[in-house]
Protein backbone atom coordinates (compact mmCIF):
# COMPACT_ATOMS: atom_id res chain seq x y z
CA MET A 1 -28.40 20.19 -2.15
CA ARG A 2 -26.30 20.43 0.99
CA SER A 3 -23.16 22.53 0.99
CA LEU A 4 -19.83 20.73 0.70
CA ASP A 5 -19.09 21.28 4.40
CA ASN A 6 -22.22 19.29 5.27
CA HIS A 7 -21.25 16.18 3.29
CA LEU A 8 -19.92 13.41 5.52
CA CYS A 9 -17.94 12.01 2.59
CA PHE A 10 -16.05 15.27 2.18
CA ALA A 11 -15.30 15.62 5.90
CA LEU A 12 -13.85 12.08 5.90
CA TYR A 13 -11.89 12.80 2.72
CA ALA A 14 -10.45 16.04 4.12
CA ALA A 15 -9.56 14.39 7.45
CA SER A 16 -7.91 11.48 5.63
CA ARG A 17 -5.83 13.81 3.48
CA ALA A 18 -4.79 15.85 6.53
CA MET A 19 -3.81 12.70 8.44
CA THR A 20 -1.79 11.38 5.51
CA ALA A 21 -0.07 14.76 5.17
CA ALA A 22 0.82 14.70 8.88
CA TYR A 23 2.64 11.40 8.31
CA ARG A 24 4.44 12.58 5.15
CA GLY A 25 7.36 14.38 6.84
CA PRO A 26 8.31 11.75 9.41
CA LEU A 27 7.86 8.93 6.89
CA SER A 28 9.96 10.65 4.25
CA GLU A 29 12.86 10.53 6.70
CA LEU A 30 12.45 6.73 6.66
CA GLY A 31 12.06 6.62 2.88
CA LEU A 32 8.45 5.42 3.09
CA THR A 33 5.16 6.59 1.68
CA TYR A 34 2.02 6.26 3.79
CA PRO A 35 0.76 3.17 1.90
CA GLN A 36 4.19 1.55 2.31
CA PHE A 37 4.13 2.41 6.02
CA VAL A 38 0.75 0.76 6.66
CA ALA A 39 1.92 -2.32 4.74
CA MET A 40 4.98 -2.44 6.98
CA VAL A 41 2.77 -2.06 10.08
CA VAL A 42 0.82 -5.16 9.02
CA LEU A 43 4.09 -7.06 8.55
CA TRP A 44 5.41 -5.88 11.91
CA GLU A 45 2.21 -7.26 13.45
CA ALA A 46 2.50 -10.62 11.65
CA ASP A 47 5.54 -11.34 9.50
CA GLY A 48 5.18 -13.90 6.73
CA VAL A 49 1.71 -13.24 5.32
CA THR A 50 0.49 -13.98 1.83
CA VAL A 51 0.07 -11.17 -0.65
CA SER A 52 -3.68 -11.83 -0.68
CA GLU A 53 -3.85 -11.64 3.15
CA LEU A 54 -1.91 -8.39 3.07
CA GLY A 55 -4.20 -6.97 0.39
CA GLU A 56 -7.26 -7.98 2.38
CA ARG A 57 -5.90 -6.42 5.56
CA LEU A 58 -5.03 -3.17 3.76
CA GLN A 59 -8.14 -3.25 1.58
CA LEU A 60 -5.98 -2.94 -1.54
CA ASP A 61 -6.29 -4.82 -4.81
CA SER A 62 -3.32 -6.62 -6.33
CA GLY A 63 -2.88 -3.93 -8.98
CA THR A 64 -2.13 -1.42 -6.22
CA LEU A 65 -0.35 -3.78 -3.85
CA THR A 66 2.11 -5.36 -6.32
CA PRO A 67 4.00 -2.14 -7.23
CA LEU A 68 4.01 -1.12 -3.55
CA LEU A 69 5.61 -4.45 -2.58
CA LYS A 70 8.10 -4.22 -5.46
CA ARG A 71 9.29 -0.85 -4.14
CA LEU A 72 9.59 -2.24 -0.59
CA GLU A 73 11.53 -5.19 -1.98
CA GLN A 74 13.84 -2.87 -3.97
CA ALA A 75 14.47 -0.97 -0.71
CA ASN A 76 15.45 -4.33 0.88
CA LEU A 77 12.67 -4.09 3.48
CA VAL A 78 10.67 -7.15 2.41
CA ARG A 79 11.15 -10.35 0.48
CA ARG A 80 8.50 -12.08 -1.63
CA GLN A 81 8.79 -15.79 -2.23
CA ARG A 82 6.55 -18.62 -3.41
CA ASN A 83 4.85 -20.71 -0.75
CA ALA A 84 6.48 -24.15 -0.77
CA ASP A 85 3.09 -25.76 -0.02
CA ASP A 86 1.16 -23.81 -2.66
CA GLU A 87 3.16 -22.28 -5.51
CA ARG A 88 0.23 -19.98 -6.41
CA GLU A 89 0.77 -18.03 -3.17
CA LEU A 90 3.43 -15.41 -2.58
CA ILE A 91 4.59 -14.97 1.01
CA VAL A 92 5.85 -11.56 2.12
CA THR A 93 8.46 -11.53 4.88
CA LEU A 94 10.50 -8.79 6.47
CA THR A 95 14.23 -8.59 5.86
CA ASP A 96 16.66 -7.64 8.61
CA ASP A 97 16.42 -4.03 7.34
CA GLY A 98 12.62 -4.27 7.53
CA HIS A 99 12.78 -5.42 11.14
CA ALA A 100 15.31 -2.68 11.98
CA LEU A 101 13.02 -0.04 10.45
CA GLN A 102 10.35 -0.87 13.01
CA ARG A 103 12.50 0.52 15.80
CA LYS A 104 12.93 3.77 13.86
CA ALA A 105 9.20 3.99 13.04
CA ASN A 106 7.88 3.18 16.53
CA ASP A 107 7.23 6.76 17.58
CA ILE A 108 5.79 8.14 14.35
CA SER A 109 2.14 7.23 15.00
CA GLU A 110 2.38 8.60 18.54
CA GLN A 111 3.88 11.86 17.23
CA VAL A 112 1.06 12.23 14.71
CA PHE A 113 -1.55 11.34 17.33
CA CYS A 114 -0.21 14.12 19.56
CA ARG A 115 -0.64 16.56 16.67
CA THR A 116 -4.38 15.76 16.54
CA GLY A 117 -4.94 17.27 19.98
CA LEU A 118 -7.46 14.52 20.73
CA GLU A 119 -7.79 13.03 24.18
CA GLU A 120 -7.31 9.27 24.28
CA GLY A 121 -10.97 8.51 25.09
CA THR A 122 -12.17 10.67 22.22
CA ALA A 123 -9.72 8.98 19.86
CA VAL A 124 -10.83 5.52 20.95
CA GLN A 125 -14.48 6.48 20.36
CA LEU A 126 -13.66 8.00 16.95
CA LEU A 127 -11.68 4.92 15.95
CA GLY A 128 -14.59 2.66 16.88
CA ASP A 129 -17.05 4.87 15.01
CA LEU A 130 -14.87 4.84 11.88
CA HIS A 131 -14.47 1.06 11.96
CA ASP A 132 -18.23 0.74 12.38
CA LEU A 133 -18.91 3.15 9.51
CA ALA A 134 -16.52 1.28 7.21
CA ALA A 135 -18.15 -2.05 8.06
CA ARG A 136 -21.63 -0.65 7.45
CA LEU A 137 -20.62 0.75 4.09
CA ARG A 138 -18.95 -2.52 3.05
CA ASP A 139 -22.01 -4.52 4.18
CA ASN A 140 -24.48 -2.23 2.43
CA THR A 141 -22.67 -1.70 -0.86
CA SER A 142 -24.34 -3.44 -3.76
CA VAL A 143 -22.04 -4.72 -6.46
């Protein structure tokens, strides 16, 4: 059996935990957790998405997404309302406070990126490799 340091899964896990920890301080100043932050990033990209679209984009199931959205709604950052055309769908939209938070959060990802010490080309290559790896694993996972 390979040692722990030679398991790709553990290297990805450790890197993910370190990245999330790097975001923790700056996000706490905004009152956000990392999962709440990435949900907000999706909404800043495209306001007014359905809960199912948001879950798909974040790769989260409704059991995880619903409490996250409730907390964002309690913080007055988002609003959830039924789709007038299809009552089964919930639409998530940003409030004025949610829009205003984007201006405060703009520099956080850049600050964390600078902490990685990666050059931009290396980061672009790594990002592409990680997207490719995730797609391969999703495509090759038997249910």
